[in-house]
C-alpha atoms as a PDB file:
ATOM      1  CA  MET A   1       9.813  14.985  25.587  1.00  0.00           C
ATOM      2  CA  SER A   2      11.359  15.947  22.232  1.00  0.00           C
ATOM      3  CA  ASP A   3      10.140  19.098  20.513  1.00  0.00           C
ATOM      4  CA  TRP A   4       8.576  17.067  17.690  1.00  0.00           C
ATOM      5  CA  LEU A   5       6.787  14.726  20.069  1.00  0.00           C
ATOM      6  CA  SER A   6       5.384  17.728  21.885  1.00  0.00           C
ATOM      7  CA  ARG A   7       4.149  19.270  18.627  1.00  0.00           C
ATOM      8  CA  ILE A   8       2.492  16.142  17.232  1.00  0.00           C
ATOM      9  CA  SER A   9       0.783  15.437  20.558  1.00  0.00           C
ATOM     10  CA  GLU A  10      -1.244  18.597  19.926  1.00  0.00           C
ATOM     11  CA  ILE A  11      -2.599  17.365  16.578  1.00  0.00           C
ATOM     12  CA  GLU A  12      -6.246  16.412  17.077  1.00  0.00           C
ATOM     13  CA  GLU A  13      -6.184  13.436  14.698  1.00  0.00           C
ATOM     14  CA  LEU A  14      -3.257  11.940  16.656  1.00  0.00           C
ATOM     15  CA  GLU A  15      -4.415  12.635  20.206  1.00  0.00           C
ATOM     16  CA  ASP A  16      -4.868   8.894  20.937  1.00  0.00           C
ATOM     17  CA  ALA A  17      -1.773   7.771  19.018  1.00  0.00           C
ATOM     18  CA  GLU A  18       1.224   6.132  20.657  1.00  0.00           C
ATOM     19  CA  PHE A  19       4.672   7.055  19.344  1.00  0.00           C
ATOM     20  CA  ASP A  20       8.094   5.646  20.206  1.00  0.00           C
ATOM     21  CA  PRO A  21       9.832   8.652  21.830  1.00  0.00           C
ATOM     22  CA  ILE A  22      13.318   7.268  21.075  1.00  0.00           C
ATOM     23  CA  LEU A  23      12.468   6.812  17.389  1.00  0.00           C
ATOM     24  CA  VAL A  24      10.906  10.277  17.131  1.00  0.00           C
ATOM     25  CA  ALA A  25      14.029  11.763  18.719  1.00  0.00           C
ATOM     26  CA  GLU A  26      16.228   9.914  16.188  1.00  0.00           C
ATOM     27  CA  MET A  27      14.141  11.300  13.342  1.00  0.00           C
ATOM     28  CA  GLU A  28      14.328  14.787  14.803  1.00  0.00           C
ATOM     29  CA  ARG A  29      18.134  14.567  15.013  1.00  0.00           C
ATOM     30  CA  ALA A  30      18.258  13.572  11.344  1.00  0.00           C
ATOM     31  CA  ALA A  31      15.996  16.464  10.355  1.00  0.00           C
ATOM     32  CA  PRO A  32      18.678  18.885   9.100  1.00  0.00           C
ATOM     33  CA  GLN A  33      19.363  16.498   6.188  1.00  0.00           C
ATOM     34  CA  MET A  34      15.763  16.230   5.058  1.00  0.00           C
ATOM     35  CA  LEU A  35      13.551  19.158   6.116  1.00  0.00           C
ATOM     36  CA  ASP A  36      14.069  20.892   2.781  1.00  0.00           C
ATOM     37  CA  ARG A  37      12.647  17.849   0.941  1.00  0.00           C
ATOM     38  CA  ARG A  38       9.162  18.669  -0.329  1.00  0.00           C
ATOM     39  CA  ILE A  39       6.719  15.853   0.418  1.00  0.00           C
ATOM     40  CA  ARG A  40       4.170  14.758  -2.180  1.00  0.00           C
ATOM     41  CA  PHE A  41       0.716  13.529  -1.163  1.00  0.00           C
ATOM     42  CA  SER A  42      -0.435  11.208  -3.967  1.00  0.00           C
ATOM     43  CA  THR A  43      -4.157  10.597  -4.428  1.00  0.00           C
ATOM     44  CA  PRO A  44      -4.352   8.308  -7.478  1.00  0.00           C
ATOM     45  CA  THR A  45      -7.804   7.853  -8.886  1.00  0.00           C
ATOM     46  CA  PHE A  46      -7.970   4.045  -8.963  1.00  0.00           C
ATOM     47  CA  LYS A  47      -9.839   4.200  -5.654  1.00  0.00           C
ATOM     48  CA  GLU A  48     -12.057   6.751  -3.954  1.00  0.00           C
ATOM     49  CA  TYR A  49     -10.324   8.834  -1.312  1.00  0.00           C
ATOM     50  CA  ASP A  50     -11.012  11.716   1.019  1.00  0.00           C
ATOM     51  CA  SER A  51      -9.487  12.701   4.337  1.00  0.00           C
ATOM     52  CA  ALA A  52     -10.161  15.566   6.669  1.00  0.00           C
ATOM     53  CA  GLU A  53      -7.062  17.326   5.300  1.00  0.00           C
ATOM     54  CA  VAL A  54      -6.539  16.237   1.680  1.00  0.00           C
ATOM     55  CA  LYS A  55      -9.244  15.759  -0.923  1.00  0.00           C
ATOM     56  CA  GLY A  56      -9.365  13.164  -3.667  1.00  0.00           C
ATOM     57  CA  CYS A  57     -10.305  13.668  -7.274  1.00  0.00           C
ATOM     58  CA  GLY A  58     -13.511  12.413  -8.863  1.00  0.00           C
ATOM     59  CA  LYS A  59     -11.968  12.099 -12.311  1.00  0.00           C
ATOM     60  CA  ASN A  60     -10.518   8.749 -13.354  1.00  0.00           C
ATOM     61  CA  SER A  61      -7.242  10.361 -14.473  1.00  0.00           C
ATOM     62  CA  PHE A  62      -4.877   7.510 -13.500  1.00  0.00           C
ATOM     63  CA  PRO A  63      -6.619   4.097 -13.334  1.00  0.00           C
ATOM     64  CA  ALA A  64      -5.122   0.625 -12.941  1.00  0.00           C
ATOM     65  CA  PHE A  65      -5.792  -2.196 -15.439  1.00  0.00           C
ATOM     66  CA  SER A  66      -5.267  -5.931 -14.934  1.00  0.00           C
ATOM     67  CA  ILE A  67      -4.564  -8.079 -17.992  1.00  0.00           C
ATOM     68  CA  THR A  68      -5.625 -11.192 -16.049  1.00  0.00           C
ATOM     69  CA  ALA A  69      -8.672  -9.641 -14.366  1.00  0.00           C
ATOM     70  CA  GLY A  70      -8.644 -11.250 -10.882  1.00  0.00           C
ATOM     71  CA  GLY A  71      -6.589 -14.309 -11.813  1.00  0.00           C
ATOM     72  CA  CYS A  72      -3.094 -15.132 -10.466  1.00  0.00           C
ATOM     73  CA  ALA A  73      -1.294 -18.505 -10.521  1.00  0.00           C
ATOM     74  CA  LEU A  74       0.928 -17.783  -7.508  1.00  0.00           C
ATOM     75  CA  ASP A  75      -1.849 -17.073  -4.997  1.00  0.00           C
ATOM     76  CA  CYS A  76       0.688 -15.632  -2.534  1.00  0.00           C
ATOM     77  CA  ASP A  77      -0.238 -15.938   1.136  1.00  0.00           C
ATOM     78  CA  HIS A  78      -0.278 -12.173   1.722  1.00  0.00           C
ATOM     79  CA  CYS A  79      -2.416 -11.207  -1.272  1.00  0.00           C
ATOM     80  CA  GLN A  80      -4.413 -14.175  -2.628  1.00  0.00           C
ATOM     81  CA  ALA A  81      -5.000 -12.071  -5.770  1.00  0.00           C
ATOM     82  CA  LYS A  82      -7.281  -9.675  -3.880  1.00  0.00           C
ATOM     83  CA  ILE A  83      -5.112  -6.689  -4.802  1.00  0.00           C
ATOM     84  CA  LEU A  84      -6.212  -7.214  -8.417  1.00  0.00           C
ATOM     85  CA  GLU A  85      -9.937  -6.990  -7.646  1.00  0.00           C
ATOM     86  CA  PRO A  86     -10.336  -3.186  -7.770  1.00  0.00           C
ATOM     87  CA  MET A  87      -8.428  -2.926 -11.062  1.00  0.00           C
ATOM     88  CA  ILE A  88     -10.219  -2.541 -14.396  1.00  0.00           C
ATOM     89  CA  PRO A  89     -10.173  -5.870 -16.315  1.00  0.00           C
ATOM     90  CA  ALA A  90      -8.426  -5.680 -19.693  1.00  0.00           C
ATOM     91  CA  THR A  91      -7.831  -9.301 -20.612  1.00  0.00           C
ATOM     92  CA  LYS A  92      -7.477  -8.649 -24.355  1.00  0.00           C
ATOM     93  CA  PRO A  93      -5.352  -5.994 -26.087  1.00  0.00           C
ATOM     94  CA  GLU A  94      -8.397  -4.525 -27.827  1.00  0.00           C
ATOM     95  CA  MET A  95     -10.116  -4.109 -24.430  1.00  0.00           C
ATOM     96  CA  LEU A  96      -7.198  -2.110 -23.083  1.00  0.00           C
ATOM     97  CA  ASP A  97      -7.025   0.036 -26.211  1.00  0.00           C
ATOM     98  CA  ARG A  98     -10.746   0.809 -26.214  1.00  0.00           C
ATOM     99  CA  LYS A  99     -10.992   1.541 -22.492  1.00  0.00           C
ATOM    100  CA  VAL A 100      -7.937   3.820 -22.453  1.00  0.00           C
ATOM    101  CA  ARG A 101      -9.104   5.772 -25.510  1.00  0.00           C
ATOM    102  CA  ASP A 102     -12.584   6.158 -24.023  1.00  0.00           C
ATOM    103  CA  LEU A 103     -11.135   7.475 -20.742  1.00  0.00           C
ATOM    104  CA  ILE A 104      -8.890   9.930 -22.581  1.00  0.00           C
ATOM    105  CA  LEU A 105     -11.927  11.283 -24.398  1.00  0.00           C
ATOM    106  CA  LEU A 106     -14.376  11.271 -21.484  1.00  0.00           C
ATOM    107  CA  GLN A 107     -12.284  11.810 -18.353  1.00  0.00           C
ATOM    108  CA  ASP A 108      -9.040  13.475 -19.434  1.00  0.00           C
ATOM    109  CA  LEU A 109      -6.949  10.374 -18.731  1.00  0.00           C
ATOM    110  CA  GLN A 110      -3.338  11.348 -17.997  1.00  0.00           C
ATOM    111  CA  GLY A 111      -1.847   7.870 -17.651  1.00  0.00           C
ATOM    112  CA  PHE A 112      -2.484   4.385 -16.336  1.00  0.00           C
ATOM    113  CA  LEU A 113      -0.977   1.478 -14.443  1.00  0.00           C
ATOM    114  CA  LEU A 114      -0.802  -1.890 -16.217  1.00  0.00           C
ATOM    115  CA  SER A 115      -0.738  -4.922 -13.951  1.00  0.00           C
ATOM    116  CA  GLY A 116      -1.906  -8.497 -13.746  1.00  0.00           C
ATOM    117  CA  GLY A 117      -1.540 -11.825 -12.024  1.00  0.00           C
ATOM    118  CA  SER A 118       1.683 -13.803 -12.312  1.00  0.00           C
ATOM    119  CA  ASN A 119       2.354 -17.274 -13.687  1.00  0.00           C
ATOM    120  CA  ARG A 120       4.024 -19.902 -11.492  1.00  0.00           C
ATOM    121  CA  ARG A 121       7.447 -18.307 -12.150  1.00  0.00           C
ATOM    122  CA  ASN A 122       6.288 -14.824 -11.074  1.00  0.00           C
ATOM    123  CA  GLU A 123       6.195 -13.549 -14.638  1.00  0.00           C
ATOM    124  CA  ILE A 124       3.415 -11.575 -16.338  1.00  0.00           C
ATOM    125  CA  ARG A 125       2.943 -12.092 -20.092  1.00  0.00           C
ATOM    126  CA  TYR A 126       2.506  -8.555 -21.396  1.00  0.00           C
ATOM    127  CA  GLU A 127       3.905  -9.136 -24.899  1.00  0.00           C
ATOM    128  CA  ARG A 128       0.601  -9.038 -26.786  1.00  0.00           C
ATOM    129  CA  PHE A 129      -0.278  -5.702 -25.106  1.00  0.00           C
ATOM    130  CA  TYR A 130       2.878  -3.879 -26.221  1.00  0.00           C
ATOM    131  CA  PRO A 131       1.524  -2.924 -29.680  1.00  0.00           C
ATOM    132  CA  VAL A 132      -1.420  -1.265 -27.909  1.00  0.00           C
ATOM    133  CA  ILE A 133       0.940   0.745 -25.696  1.00  0.00           C
ATOM    134  CA  GLU A 134       2.957   1.755 -28.759  1.00  0.00           C
ATOM    135  CA  GLY A 135      -0.174   2.977 -30.541  1.00  0.00           C
ATOM    136  CA  LEU A 136      -1.470   4.856 -27.500  1.00  0.00           C
ATOM    137  CA  LYS A 137       1.872   6.578 -26.941  1.00  0.00           C
ATOM    138  CA  ARG A 138       2.026   7.518 -30.624  1.00  0.00           C
ATOM    139  CA  ASP A 139      -1.465   9.012 -30.639  1.00  0.00           C
ATOM    140  CA  PHE A 140      -1.287  10.575 -27.154  1.00  0.00           C
ATOM    141  CA  PRO A 141       2.332  11.589 -26.427  1.00  0.00           C
ATOM    142  CA  HIS A 142       1.351  13.051 -23.034  1.00  0.00           C
ATOM    143  CA  LEU A 143       0.137   9.668 -21.746  1.00  0.00           C
ATOM    144  CA  LYS A 144       2.222   8.157 -18.931  1.00  0.00           C
ATOM    145  CA  VAL A 145       2.324   4.371 -18.599  1.00  0.00           C
ATOM    146  CA  ALA A 146       3.467   2.517 -15.483  1.00  0.00           C
ATOM    147  CA  ILE A 147       3.771  -1.269 -15.327  1.00  0.00           C
ATOM    148  CA  HIS A 148       4.140  -3.929 -12.641  1.00  0.00           C
ATOM    149  CA  THR A 149       6.930  -5.949 -14.226  1.00  0.00           C
ATOM    150  CA  ALA A 150       7.085  -9.022 -11.936  1.00  0.00           C
ATOM    151  CA  LEU A 151      10.303 -10.946 -12.699  1.00  0.00           C
ATOM    152  CA  THR A 152      11.848 -10.440 -16.128  1.00  0.00           C
ATOM    153  CA  ASP A 153      15.198 -10.493 -17.938  1.00  0.00           C
ATOM    154  CA  GLU A 154      17.201  -8.075 -20.085  1.00  0.00           C
ATOM    155  CA  ALA A 155      15.220  -8.885 -23.232  1.00  0.00           C
ATOM    156  CA  GLY A 156      11.909  -8.456 -21.409  1.00  0.00           C
ATOM    157  CA  ALA A 157      12.998  -5.132 -19.959  1.00  0.00           C
ATOM    158  CA  ARG A 158      14.022  -3.880 -23.400  1.00  0.00           C
ATOM    159  CA  ARG A 159      10.632  -4.868 -24.850  1.00  0.00           C
ATOM    160  CA  MET A 160       8.894  -2.805 -22.182  1.00  0.00           C
ATOM    161  CA  GLU A 161      11.170   0.124 -22.944  1.00  0.00           C
ATOM    162  CA  SER A 162      10.640  -0.055 -26.712  1.00  0.00           C
ATOM    163  CA  ALA A 163       6.861  -0.231 -26.265  1.00  0.00           C
ATOM    164  CA  GLY A 164       6.959   3.146 -24.535  1.00  0.00           C
ATOM    165  CA  VAL A 165       6.528   2.217 -20.864  1.00  0.00           C
ATOM    166  CA  ASP A 166       7.561   5.170 -18.699  1.00  0.00           C
ATOM    167  CA  THR A 167       7.799   3.636 -15.220  1.00  0.00           C
ATOM    168  CA  ALA A 168       8.603   0.053 -14.224  1.00  0.00           C
ATOM    169  CA  MET A 169       7.692  -1.277 -10.766  1.00  0.00           C
ATOM    170  CA  MET A 170       8.670  -4.563  -9.115  1.00  0.00           C
ATOM    171  CA  ASP A 171       8.829  -6.086  -5.635  1.00  0.00           C
ATOM    172  CA  VAL A 172      12.316  -6.681  -4.238  1.00  0.00           C
ATOM    173  CA  ILE A 173      12.379  -9.553  -1.735  1.00  0.00           C
ATOM    174  CA  GLY A 174      15.467  -9.965   0.393  1.00  0.00           C
ATOM    175  CA  ALA A 175      14.814 -13.316   2.138  1.00  0.00           C
ATOM    176  CA  GLN A 176      14.769 -16.711   0.431  1.00  0.00           C
ATOM    177  CA  GLU A 177      12.380 -18.046   3.088  1.00  0.00           C
ATOM    178  CA  THR A 178       9.857 -15.380   2.137  1.00  0.00           C
ATOM    179  CA  ILE A 179      10.062 -16.189  -1.571  1.00  0.00           C
ATOM    180  CA  GLU A 180       9.449 -19.879  -0.915  1.00  0.00           C
ATOM    181  CA  GLN A 181       6.952 -19.740   1.929  1.00  0.00           C
ATOM    182  CA  VAL A 182       4.899 -16.602   1.236  1.00  0.00           C
ATOM    183  CA  TYR A 183       5.171 -16.448  -2.570  1.00  0.00           C
ATOM    184  CA  HIS A 184       5.182 -20.253  -3.113  1.00  0.00           C
ATOM    185  CA  LEU A 185       7.912 -19.531  -5.643  1.00  0.00           C
ATOM    186  CA  ASP A 186      11.024 -21.495  -6.591  1.00  0.00           C
ATOM    187  CA  ARG A 187      13.230 -18.561  -7.598  1.00  0.00           C
ATOM    188  CA  PRO A 188      16.318 -17.228  -5.731  1.00  0.00           C
ATOM    189  CA  VAL A 189      16.782 -13.738  -4.293  1.00  0.00           C
ATOM    190  CA  ALA A 190      19.338 -13.244  -7.077  1.00  0.00           C
ATOM    191  CA  ASP A 191      16.545 -13.331  -9.689  1.00  0.00           C
ATOM    192  CA  PHE A 192      14.934 -10.300  -8.066  1.00  0.00           C
ATOM    193  CA  GLU A 193      18.232  -8.443  -8.154  1.00  0.00           C
ATOM    194  CA  ALA A 194      18.789  -9.509 -11.778  1.00  0.00           C
ATOM    195  CA  THR A 195      15.363  -8.098 -12.698  1.00  0.00           C
ATOM    196  CA  LEU A 196      16.215  -4.792 -11.032  1.00  0.00           C
ATOM    197  CA  ALA A 197      19.561  -4.712 -12.864  1.00  0.00           C
ATOM    198  CA  ALA A 198      17.835  -5.365 -16.217  1.00  0.00           C
ATOM    199  CA  LEU A 199      15.218  -2.663 -15.649  1.00  0.00           C
ATOM    200  CA  THR A 200      17.700  -0.005 -14.535  1.00  0.00           C
ATOM    201  CA  ALA A 201      19.793  -0.667 -17.653  1.00  0.00           C
ATOM    202  CA  THR A 202      16.952   0.829 -19.743  1.00  0.00           C
ATOM    203  CA  SER A 203      15.741   4.426 -20.048  1.00  0.00           C
ATOM    204  CA  MET A 204      12.578   3.669 -18.037  1.00  0.00           C
ATOM    205  CA  GLU A 205      12.128   5.182 -14.608  1.00  0.00           C
ATOM    206  CA  VAL A 206      12.371   2.284 -12.175  1.00  0.00           C
ATOM    207  CA  SER A 207      10.537   2.264  -8.844  1.00  0.00           C
ATOM    208  CA  PRO A 208      11.107  -0.964  -6.907  1.00  0.00           C
ATOM    209  CA  HIS A 209       8.817  -1.797  -3.980  1.00  0.00           C
ATOM    210  CA  ILE A 210       9.711  -3.332  -0.623  1.00  0.00           C
ATOM    211  CA  VAL A 211       6.865  -4.830   1.417  1.00  0.00           C
ATOM    212  CA  VAL A 212       7.596  -4.261   5.107  1.00  0.00           C
ATOM    213  CA  GLY A 213       6.578  -7.315   7.124  1.00  0.00           C
ATOM    214  CA  LEU A 214       6.153  -9.537   4.066  1.00  0.00           C
ATOM    215  CA  HIS A 215       7.311 -12.614   6.022  1.00  0.00           C
ATOM    216  CA  TYR A 216       4.045 -13.138   7.913  1.00  0.00           C
ATOM    217  CA  GLY A 217       4.407  -9.758   9.584  1.00  0.00           C
ATOM    218  CA  GLU A 218       7.984 -10.400  10.758  1.00  0.00           C
ATOM    219  CA  ILE A 219      10.888  -8.148   9.812  1.00  0.00           C
ATOM    220  CA  LEU A 220      13.226 -10.498   7.933  1.00  0.00           C
ATOM    221  CA  GLY A 221      14.509  -9.581   4.460  1.00  0.00           C
ATOM    222  CA  GLU A 222      13.935  -5.830   4.460  1.00  0.00           C
ATOM    223  CA  ALA A 223      17.556  -4.871   5.225  1.00  0.00           C
ATOM    224  CA  ASN A 224      18.857  -7.090   2.415  1.00  0.00           C
ATOM    225  CA  ALA A 225      16.244  -5.691   0.047  1.00  0.00           C
ATOM    226  CA  LEU A 226      17.478  -2.183   0.896  1.00  0.00           C
ATOM    227  CA  ASP A 227      21.032  -3.362   0.160  1.00  0.00           C
ATOM    228  CA  ILE A 228      19.925  -4.598  -3.264  1.00  0.00           C
ATOM    229  CA  VAL A 229      18.059  -1.394  -4.145  1.00  0.00           C
ATOM    230  CA  SER A 230      20.955   0.780  -2.999  1.00  0.00           C
ATOM    231  CA  ARG A 231      23.217  -0.805  -5.630  1.00  0.00           C
ATOM    232  CA  TYR A 232      21.189   0.406  -8.632  1.00  0.00           C
ATOM    233  CA  PRO A 233      20.223   3.782 -10.135  1.00  0.00           C
ATOM    234  CA  VAL A 234      16.519   3.583  -9.290  1.00  0.00           C
ATOM    235  CA  ASN A 235      14.222   6.548  -9.737  1.00  0.00           C
ATOM    236  CA  ALA A 236      12.381   5.914  -6.474  1.00  0.00           C
ATOM    237  CA  LEU A 237      11.913   3.288  -3.785  1.00  0.00           C
ATOM    238  CA  VAL A 238       8.330   2.587  -2.754  1.00  0.00           C
ATOM    239  CA  LEU A 239       7.754   1.137   0.714  1.00  0.00           C
ATOM    240  CA  VAL A 240       4.451  -0.526   1.569  1.00  0.00           C
ATOM    241  CA  VAL A 241       3.334  -2.337   4.724  1.00  0.00           C
ATOM    242  CA  ILE A 242       1.830  -5.815   4.785  1.00  0.00           C
ATOM    243  CA  MET A 243      -1.965  -5.813   5.052  1.00  0.00           C
ATOM    244  CA  PRO A 244      -2.988  -8.956   6.984  1.00  0.00           C
ATOM    245  CA  PHE A 245      -6.688  -8.703   6.121  1.00  0.00           C
ATOM    246  CA  TYR A 246      -5.863  -9.921   2.588  1.00  0.00           C
ATOM    247  CA  ALA A 247      -4.501 -13.187   4.050  1.00  0.00           C
ATOM    248  CA  LYS A 248      -6.080 -16.215   5.666  1.00  0.00           C
ATOM    249  CA  PRO A 249      -6.957 -15.434   9.298  1.00  0.00           C
ATOM    250  CA  GLY A 250      -4.114 -16.088  11.705  1.00  0.00           C
ATOM    251  CA  THR A 251      -1.318 -16.383   9.140  1.00  0.00           C
ATOM    252  CA  PHE A 252       0.032 -12.823   9.424  1.00  0.00           C
ATOM    253  CA  LYS A 253       0.517 -10.395  12.262  1.00  0.00           C
ATOM    254  CA  THR A 254       0.627  -6.638  11.827  1.00  0.00           C
ATOM    255  CA  PRO A 255       4.169  -5.220  12.110  1.00  0.00           C
ATOM    256  CA  SER A 256       4.529  -2.727  14.937  1.00  0.00           C
ATOM    257  CA  THR A 257       4.456   0.919  13.924  1.00  0.00           C
ATOM    258  CA  GLY A 258       7.877   1.359  15.537  1.00  0.00           C
ATOM    259  CA  ASP A 259       9.436  -1.404  13.404  1.00  0.00           C
ATOM    260  CA  VAL A 260       7.929   0.163  10.291  1.00  0.00           C
ATOM    261  CA  GLY A 261       9.150   3.621  11.276  1.00  0.00           C
ATOM    262  CA  ARG A 262      12.694   2.348  11.799  1.00  0.00           C
ATOM    263  CA  ILE A 263      12.727   0.888   8.291  1.00  0.00           C
ATOM    264  CA  PHE A 264      11.559   4.263   6.969  1.00  0.00           C
ATOM    265  CA  LEU A 265      14.467   5.969   8.700  1.00  0.00           C
ATOM    266  CA  GLU A 266      16.943   3.307   7.506  1.00  0.00           C
ATOM    267  CA  ALA A 267      15.699   3.630   3.930  1.00  0.00           C
ATOM    268  CA  ARG A 268      16.014   7.407   4.064  1.00  0.00           C
ATOM    269  CA  THR A 269      19.568   7.069   5.429  1.00  0.00           C
ATOM    270  CA  ARG A 270      20.619   4.391   2.934  1.00  0.00           C
ATOM    271  CA  LEU A 271      19.160   6.215  -0.098  1.00  0.00           C
ATOM    272  CA  PRO A 272      19.845   9.887   0.651  1.00  0.00           C
ATOM    273  CA  ASP A 273      19.797  10.967  -2.999  1.00  0.00           C
ATOM    274  CA  LYS A 274      16.783   8.914  -4.116  1.00  0.00           C
ATOM    275  CA  GLN A 275      13.057   9.407  -3.790  1.00  0.00           C
ATOM    276  CA  VAL A 276      11.682   7.184  -0.999  1.00  0.00           C
ATOM    277  CA  LEU A 277       7.887   6.927  -1.014  1.00  0.00           C
ATOM    278  CA  LEU A 278       5.166   5.308   1.094  1.00  0.00           C
ATOM    279  CA  GLY A 279       2.835   3.485  -1.277  1.00  0.00           C
ATOM    280  CA  CYS A 280      -0.861   2.629  -1.142  1.00  0.00           C
ATOM    281  CA  ALA A 281      -0.817  -0.604   0.828  1.00  0.00           C
ATOM    282  CA  ARG A 282      -0.677  -0.395   4.629  1.00  0.00           C
ATOM    283  CA  PRO A 283      -2.975  -1.298   7.535  1.00  0.00           C
ATOM    284  CA  ALA A 284      -5.824   1.105   8.211  1.00  0.00           C
ATOM    285  CA  GLY A 285      -6.982   2.925  11.328  1.00  0.00           C
ATOM    286  CA  MET A 286      -4.680   4.363  13.967  1.00  0.00           C
ATOM    287  CA  HIS A 287      -1.829   2.170  12.709  1.00  0.00           C
ATOM    288  CA  LYS A 288      -1.949   4.049   9.410  1.00  0.00           C
ATOM    289  CA  ARG A 289      -2.051   7.439  11.138  1.00  0.00           C
ATOM    290  CA  VAL A 290       1.072   6.621  13.166  1.00  0.00           C
ATOM    291  CA  VAL A 291       2.904   5.045  10.204  1.00  0.00           C
ATOM    292  CA  ASP A 292       2.146   8.067   8.020  1.00  0.00           C
ATOM    293  CA  ALA A 293       3.371  10.405  10.753  1.00  0.00           C
ATOM    294  CA  TYR A 294       6.625   8.413  10.916  1.00  0.00           C
ATOM    295  CA  ALA A 295       6.917   8.663   7.108  1.00  0.00           C
ATOM    296  CA  VAL A 296       6.700  12.454   7.320  1.00  0.00           C
ATOM    297  CA  MET A 297       9.169  12.664  10.211  1.00  0.00           C
ATOM    298  CA  ALA A 298      11.620  10.192   8.625  1.00  0.00           C
ATOM    299  CA  GLY A 299      11.890  12.421   5.569  1.00  0.00           C
ATOM    300  CA  LEU A 300      10.116  10.257   3.016  1.00  0.00           C
ATOM    301  CA  ASP A 301       9.402  12.107  -0.216  1.00  0.00           C
ATOM    302  CA  GLY A 302       5.811  11.036  -0.734  1.00  0.00           C
ATOM    303  CA  ILE A 303       2.765   9.311   0.753  1.00  0.00           C
ATOM    304  CA  ALA A 304      -0.084   7.718  -1.196  1.00  0.00           C
ATOM    305  CA  PHE A 305      -3.544   8.317   0.272  1.00  0.00           C
ATOM    306  CA  PRO A 306      -2.255  10.094   3.389  1.00  0.00           C
ATOM    307  CA  ALA A 307      -4.044   9.412   6.670  1.00  0.00           C
ATOM    308  CA  ASP A 308      -5.683  12.077   8.777  1.00  0.00           C
ATOM    309  CA  GLY A 309      -2.944  13.809  10.722  1.00  0.00           C
ATOM    310  CA  ALA A 310      -0.228  13.460   8.062  1.00  0.00           C
ATOM    311  CA  LEU A 311      -0.637  17.015   6.825  1.00  0.00           C
ATOM    312  CA  GLY A 312      -0.721  18.251  10.424  1.00  0.00           C
ATOM    313  CA  VAL A 313       2.619  16.546  11.138  1.00  0.00           C
ATOM    314  CA  THR A 314       4.050  18.005   7.932  1.00  0.00           C
ATOM    315  CA  ARG A 315       3.139  21.500   9.057  1.00  0.00           C
ATOM    316  CA  ALA A 316       4.219  20.877  12.659  1.00  0.00           C
ATOM    317  CA  ILE A 317       7.791  19.996  11.700  1.00  0.00           C
ATOM    318  CA  GLY A 318       8.067  22.625   8.973  1.00  0.00           C
ATOM    319  CA  ARG A 319       8.061  20.584   5.748  1.00  0.00           C
ATOM    320  CA  ASP A 320       6.647  21.870   2.474  1.00  0.00           C
ATOM    321  CA  TRP A 321       4.156  19.704   0.561  1.00  0.00           C
ATOM    322  CA  HIS A 322       2.179  19.303  -2.637  1.00  0.00           C
ATOM    323  CA  GLN A 323      -0.473  16.949  -4.041  1.00  0.00           C
ATOM    324  CA  GLU A 324      -0.890  14.958  -7.247  1.00  0.00           C
ATOM    325  CA  HIS A 325      -3.744  12.752  -8.486  1.00  0.00           C
ATOM    326  CA  ALA A 326      -1.412  10.034  -9.766  1.00  0.00           C
ATOM    327  CA  CYS A 327       0.280   6.831  -8.710  1.00  0.00           C
ATOM    328  CA  CYS A 328       3.061   7.650  -6.242  1.00  0.00           C
ATOM    329  CA  SER A 329       5.609   5.940  -8.520  1.00  0.00           C
ATOM    330  CA  ILE A 330       5.018   8.235 -11.486  1.00  0.00           C
ATOM    331  CA  LYS A 331       4.935  12.001 -11.812  1.00  0.00           C
ATOM    332  CA  ILE A 332       2.407  13.544 -14.175  1.00  0.00           C
ATOM    333  CA  GLY A 333       1.058  16.986 -14.859  1.00  0.00           C
ATOM    334  CA  ALA A 334       0.931  19.915 -12.501  1.00  0.00           C
ATOM    335  CA  ASP A 335       1.292  19.917  -8.752  1.00  0.00           C
ATOM    336  CA  ILE A 336      -1.758  20.793  -6.695  1.00  0.00           C
ATOM    337  CA  GLY A 337      -1.615  22.882  -3.575  1.00  0.00           C
ATOM    338  CA  GLY A 338       1.504  23.288  -1.494  1.00  0.00           C
ATOM    339  CA  GLY A 339       2.641  25.045   1.611  1.00  0.00           C
ATOM    340  CA  SER A 340      -0.391  26.397   3.386  1.00  0.00           C
ATOM    341  CA  VAL A 341      -2.460  26.769   0.211  1.00  0.00           C
ATOM    342  CA  LYS A 342      -5.906  25.200   0.402  1.00  0.00           C
ATOM    343  CA  ILE A 343      -6.303  22.283  -2.025  1.00  0.00           C
ATOM    344  CA  PRO A 344      -9.376  22.261  -4.241  1.00  0.00           C
ATOM    345  CA  SER A 345     -11.431  19.065  -4.288  1.00  0.00           C
ATOM    346  CA  CYS A 346     -10.216  18.313  -7.791  1.00  0.00           C
ATOM    347  CA  ALA A 347      -8.047  19.943 -10.387  1.00  0.00           C
ATOM    348  CA  ALA A 348      -6.665  19.168 -13.796  1.00  0.00           C
ATOM    349  CA  SER A 349      -3.432  17.325 -13.339  1.00  0.00           C
END
């Protein structure tokens, strides 16, 4: 048994977990290149969160808004627009402006995520909201704005930049079959790369996402997606894991934790000088505990809503850590906690 496997087997939250000993040993061998990387536990406030180890924040300091409420023309097999449901509806520019200003006044808003459902070409029409962003950034220079870009072009990317968007996020899909079958979309893989190229040509911080298991739970286009991301000066790569309960029953399987962990290690190896983060979406339960443990051991730089046991693994292998109440793709305010310091239940961030 490797030293790491022996240590994590003693963590109470992981006592019933099953780990791939070969994969853990590979991660342990790669440790000298990543143990000095400080891991960030992100607890954004667009959903309630508490674990036995890391506490959430009651303040709505980084909410998510949807400009289409729950509507999306693509109706992708993996999502069916359900990911939009917990977001705050802001279907008119004046709604977004009023709600953001109210939250700044009442709840010390530090920033927000702007999202929405796509049209049939996987585009989101944000244009009429840009004057609102410009006004908010003018009146509140501290405010950080992240946006789900969907597919766009050079002109669209420049409009986001000029409006004052700080962080741009998009999904990178590496398999044509996935685009056509899961997304119901008639666009080539090259359009996703072109969007990433357009975004990284601006001054915005760009954080592309790769959904592990997007092709009905199979590992198919992830390696190509990593190839695409590795060619551009991104600020961070966000990895998420397909969540089958959003889909119609029987259409998706859950990727094995070992397959997910291997992609974590490959991403860390392929992008040694970039931030690689584990985002919000991933299956719950013991699967999440094992996946989060692999994320820590693979050397990922951050985990959103960490599972019970993640902090224990961090301590067991000797990594430093900190916490922020913000979206994992954007850095705002002060760090909370770190090392062996006890984290308060909430703090100004």
